[in-house]
Amino acid sequence: KDLALKLQKELLIAATVEEGYVRKFEIPEKLDRVDYALITTNSTITVKSANGLYIVSIPQAVGNVSKGENTINKTGGVIYIN
């Protein structure tokens, strides 16, 4: 749940800041030694593991969040991920 909310916050910040915003952030390969999947759609991010399923709404973005290093930027009023 915490990871889903963190990602939601990252995208909400990108949606509200000035043009040209760029930020890099890391997403861990596992959460407390538990494997999980990230699924990004135009309006949601889903974090799914054997322990649960968490879905949060996000501003519309182009691209997908993935494990490892991610870059989020706002260009031409559009949020791009990676």
N, C-alpha and C. Protein backbone atom coordinates (compact mmCIF):
# COMPACT_ATOMS: atom_id res chain seq x y z
N LYS A 1 0.83 -1.20 0.00
CA LYS A 1 0.00 0.00 0.00
C LYS A 1 0.87 1.26 0.00
N ASP A 2 1.94 1.23 0.80
CA ASP A 2 2.82 2.40 0.90
C ASP A 2 3.45 2.74 -0.45
N LEU A 3 3.87 1.72 -1.20
CA LEU A 3 4.48 1.96 -2.50
C LEU A 3 3.46 2.57 -3.46
N ALA A 4 2.25 2.07 -3.48
CA ALA A 4 1.20 2.61 -4.35
C ALA A 4 0.95 4.09 -4.03
N LEU A 5 0.88 4.42 -2.76
CA LEU A 5 0.65 5.82 -2.36
C LEU A 5 1.84 6.71 -2.70
N LYS A 6 3.06 6.17 -2.56
CA LYS A 6 4.26 6.94 -2.92
C LYS A 6 4.25 7.27 -4.41
N LEU A 7 3.93 6.29 -5.24
CA LEU A 7 3.90 6.52 -6.68
C LEU A 7 2.79 7.51 -7.06
N GLN A 8 1.66 7.38 -6.40
CA GLN A 8 0.56 8.32 -6.64
C GLN A 8 1.02 9.75 -6.32
N LYS A 9 1.71 9.92 -5.21
CA LYS A 9 2.20 11.24 -4.81
C LYS A 9 3.18 11.80 -5.83
N GLU A 10 4.09 10.96 -6.34
CA GLU A 10 5.05 11.40 -7.36
C GLU A 10 4.33 11.97 -8.58
N LEU A 11 3.30 11.29 -9.03
CA LEU A 11 2.57 11.74 -10.23
C LEU A 11 1.72 12.96 -9.94
N LEU A 12 1.14 13.06 -8.76
CA LEU A 12 0.36 14.25 -8.41
C LEU A 12 1.26 15.48 -8.35
N ILE A 13 2.47 15.32 -7.82
CA ILE A 13 3.42 16.44 -7.79
C ILE A 13 3.75 16.87 -9.21
N ALA A 14 4.06 15.91 -10.07
CA ALA A 14 4.40 16.23 -11.46
C ALA A 14 3.26 16.94 -12.17
N ALA A 15 2.03 16.59 -11.84
CA ALA A 15 0.86 17.21 -12.48
C ALA A 15 0.68 18.67 -12.08
N THR A 16 1.15 19.03 -10.88
CA THR A 16 0.88 20.37 -10.37
C THR A 16 2.04 21.35 -10.49
N VAL A 17 3.23 20.85 -10.81
CA VAL A 17 4.40 21.74 -10.86
C VAL A 17 4.57 22.38 -12.24
N GLU A 18 5.57 23.23 -12.32
CA GLU A 18 5.87 23.96 -13.55
C GLU A 18 6.36 23.05 -14.67
N GLU A 19 6.21 23.55 -15.87
CA GLU A 19 6.73 22.89 -17.07
C GLU A 19 8.23 22.66 -16.92
N GLY A 20 8.73 21.53 -17.40
CA GLY A 20 10.14 21.23 -17.34
C GLY A 20 10.57 20.46 -16.10
N TYR A 21 9.61 20.10 -15.25
CA TYR A 21 9.90 19.32 -14.05
C TYR A 21 10.50 17.97 -14.42
N VAL A 22 11.58 17.58 -13.74
CA VAL A 22 12.21 16.27 -13.94
C VAL A 22 12.63 15.74 -12.58
N ARG A 23 12.34 14.46 -12.34
CA ARG A 23 12.76 13.84 -11.08
C ARG A 23 13.05 12.36 -11.32
N LYS A 24 14.14 11.89 -10.72
CA LYS A 24 14.49 10.46 -10.77
C LYS A 24 14.19 9.85 -9.41
N PHE A 25 13.69 8.62 -9.41
CA PHE A 25 13.44 7.92 -8.16
C PHE A 25 13.57 6.42 -8.38
N GLU A 26 13.83 5.70 -7.29
CA GLU A 26 14.05 4.25 -7.34
C GLU A 26 12.83 3.51 -6.80
N ILE A 27 12.53 2.40 -7.44
CA ILE A 27 11.50 1.49 -6.94
C ILE A 27 12.20 0.16 -6.66
N PRO A 28 12.05 -0.36 -5.44
CA PRO A 28 12.78 -1.59 -5.08
C PRO A 28 12.32 -2.81 -5.87
N GLU A 29 13.22 -3.78 -6.02
CA GLU A 29 12.90 -5.02 -6.73
C GLU A 29 11.91 -5.87 -5.94
N LYS A 30 12.02 -5.82 -4.60
CA LYS A 30 11.11 -6.57 -3.73
C LYS A 30 10.73 -5.68 -2.55
N LEU A 31 9.59 -5.97 -1.94
CA LEU A 31 9.13 -5.25 -0.76
C LEU A 31 9.20 -6.20 0.42
N ASP A 32 10.10 -5.94 1.36
CA ASP A 32 10.29 -6.84 2.51
C ASP A 32 10.43 -8.29 2.06
N ARG A 33 11.27 -8.52 1.06
CA ARG A 33 11.55 -9.84 0.49
C ARG A 33 10.36 -10.47 -0.22
N VAL A 34 9.31 -9.70 -0.47
CA VAL A 34 8.13 -10.21 -1.18
C VAL A 34 8.16 -9.66 -2.61
N ASP A 35 8.03 -10.55 -3.58
CA ASP A 35 7.96 -10.13 -4.97
C ASP A 35 6.59 -9.50 -5.24
N TYR A 36 6.55 -8.58 -6.19
CA TYR A 36 5.30 -7.90 -6.52
C TYR A 36 5.33 -7.47 -7.98
N ALA A 37 4.17 -7.09 -8.47
CA ALA A 37 4.05 -6.60 -9.84
C ALA A 37 3.50 -5.18 -9.82
N LEU A 38 3.97 -4.37 -10.76
CA LEU A 38 3.46 -3.01 -10.96
C LEU A 38 2.72 -2.97 -12.29
N ILE A 39 1.51 -2.45 -12.26
CA ILE A 39 0.73 -2.32 -13.49
C ILE A 39 0.27 -0.88 -13.59
N THR A 40 0.66 -0.20 -14.67
CA THR A 40 0.30 1.20 -14.88
C THR A 40 -0.69 1.28 -16.04
N THR A 41 -1.80 1.98 -15.82
CA THR A 41 -2.72 2.29 -16.90
C THR A 41 -2.78 3.81 -17.01
N ASN A 42 -3.63 4.33 -17.87
CA ASN A 42 -3.73 5.78 -18.02
C ASN A 42 -4.17 6.48 -16.75
N SER A 43 -4.95 5.81 -15.90
CA SER A 43 -5.49 6.50 -14.74
C SER A 43 -5.29 5.78 -13.41
N THR A 44 -4.57 4.65 -13.41
CA THR A 44 -4.31 3.94 -12.15
C THR A 44 -2.94 3.29 -12.13
N ILE A 45 -2.46 3.05 -10.93
CA ILE A 45 -1.29 2.21 -10.70
C ILE A 45 -1.75 1.11 -9.75
N THR A 46 -1.40 -0.13 -10.11
CA THR A 46 -1.74 -1.28 -9.28
C THR A 46 -0.45 -1.92 -8.78
N VAL A 47 -0.39 -2.18 -7.48
CA VAL A 47 0.71 -2.92 -6.88
C VAL A 47 0.10 -4.23 -6.38
N LYS A 48 0.58 -5.34 -6.95
CA LYS A 48 -0.02 -6.65 -6.66
C LYS A 48 1.05 -7.61 -6.15
N SER A 49 0.75 -8.26 -5.01
CA SER A 49 1.64 -9.29 -4.47
C SER A 49 0.78 -10.40 -3.88
N ALA A 50 1.44 -11.42 -3.35
CA ALA A 50 0.71 -12.51 -2.71
C ALA A 50 -0.01 -12.00 -1.45
N ASN A 51 0.46 -10.88 -0.91
CA ASN A 51 -0.13 -10.34 0.32
C ASN A 51 -1.29 -9.38 0.08
N GLY A 52 -1.48 -8.92 -1.14
CA GLY A 52 -2.57 -7.98 -1.38
C GLY A 52 -2.51 -7.32 -2.74
N LEU A 53 -3.53 -6.52 -2.98
CA LEU A 53 -3.69 -5.78 -4.23
C LEU A 53 -4.08 -4.36 -3.88
N TYR A 54 -3.31 -3.37 -4.35
CA TYR A 54 -3.59 -1.97 -4.06
C TYR A 54 -3.67 -1.20 -5.36
N ILE A 55 -4.77 -0.49 -5.54
CA ILE A 55 -4.99 0.30 -6.76
C ILE A 55 -5.20 1.75 -6.33
N VAL A 56 -4.45 2.66 -6.96
CA VAL A 56 -4.61 4.09 -6.68
C VAL A 56 -4.81 4.83 -8.00
N SER A 57 -5.58 5.89 -7.93
CA SER A 57 -5.78 6.71 -9.13
C SER A 57 -4.60 7.66 -9.30
N ILE A 58 -4.28 7.97 -10.55
CA ILE A 58 -3.17 8.88 -10.87
C ILE A 58 -3.61 9.81 -11.99
N PRO A 59 -2.93 10.95 -12.12
CA PRO A 59 -3.17 11.80 -13.29
C PRO A 59 -2.76 11.06 -14.55
N GLN A 60 -3.33 11.41 -15.67
CA GLN A 60 -2.98 10.75 -16.92
C GLN A 60 -1.50 10.97 -17.22
N ALA A 61 -0.82 9.86 -17.59
CA ALA A 61 0.62 9.91 -17.87
C ALA A 61 0.94 8.99 -19.03
N VAL A 62 2.03 9.30 -19.70
CA VAL A 62 2.51 8.47 -20.81
C VAL A 62 3.70 7.66 -20.30
N GLY A 63 3.66 6.35 -20.46
CA GLY A 63 4.74 5.49 -20.02
C GLY A 63 4.33 4.64 -18.84
N ASN A 64 5.27 3.86 -18.33
CA ASN A 64 5.01 2.95 -17.23
C ASN A 64 6.06 3.07 -16.15
N VAL A 65 5.61 2.93 -14.92
CA VAL A 65 6.51 2.86 -13.78
C VAL A 65 7.06 1.44 -13.75
N SER A 66 8.35 1.28 -13.45
CA SER A 66 8.94 -0.05 -13.38
C SER A 66 9.89 -0.15 -12.20
N LYS A 67 10.23 -1.36 -11.83
CA LYS A 67 11.19 -1.57 -10.75
C LYS A 67 12.54 -1.03 -11.19
N GLY A 68 13.32 -0.51 -10.24
CA GLY A 68 14.60 0.09 -10.57
C GLY A 68 14.46 1.61 -10.68
N GLU A 69 15.35 2.21 -11.47
CA GLU A 69 15.34 3.68 -11.61
C GLU A 69 14.25 4.13 -12.58
N ASN A 70 13.53 5.17 -12.18
CA ASN A 70 12.48 5.77 -13.00
C ASN A 70 12.73 7.26 -13.11
N THR A 71 12.33 7.82 -14.23
CA THR A 71 12.40 9.26 -14.44
C THR A 71 11.01 9.75 -14.80
N ILE A 72 10.59 10.80 -14.12
CA ILE A 72 9.30 11.40 -14.42
C ILE A 72 9.56 12.83 -14.85
N ASN A 73 8.90 13.28 -15.91
CA ASN A 73 9.08 14.67 -16.33
C ASN A 73 7.78 15.20 -16.92
N LYS A 74 7.71 16.51 -16.94
CA LYS A 74 6.53 17.19 -17.49
C LYS A 74 6.99 18.08 -18.63
N THR A 75 6.53 17.74 -19.83
CA THR A 75 6.91 18.46 -21.03
C THR A 75 5.66 18.70 -21.86
N GLY A 76 5.43 19.94 -22.26
CA GLY A 76 4.26 20.26 -23.07
C GLY A 76 2.96 19.97 -22.35
N GLY A 77 2.99 20.07 -21.01
CA GLY A 77 1.79 19.81 -20.21
C GLY A 77 1.48 18.33 -20.03
N VAL A 78 2.36 17.44 -20.55
CA VAL A 78 2.14 16.00 -20.46
C VAL A 78 3.16 15.40 -19.49
N ILE A 79 2.69 14.47 -18.65
CA ILE A 79 3.59 13.78 -17.73
C ILE A 79 4.10 12.52 -18.43
N TYR A 80 5.43 12.39 -18.44
CA TYR A 80 6.08 11.22 -19.03
C TYR A 80 6.81 10.44 -17.94
N ILE A 81 6.68 9.12 -17.98
CA ILE A 81 7.39 8.25 -17.04
C ILE A 81 8.35 7.41 -17.86
N ASN A 82 9.63 7.46 -17.47
CA ASN A 82 10.69 6.73 -18.15
C ASN A 82 10.76 7.16 -19.58
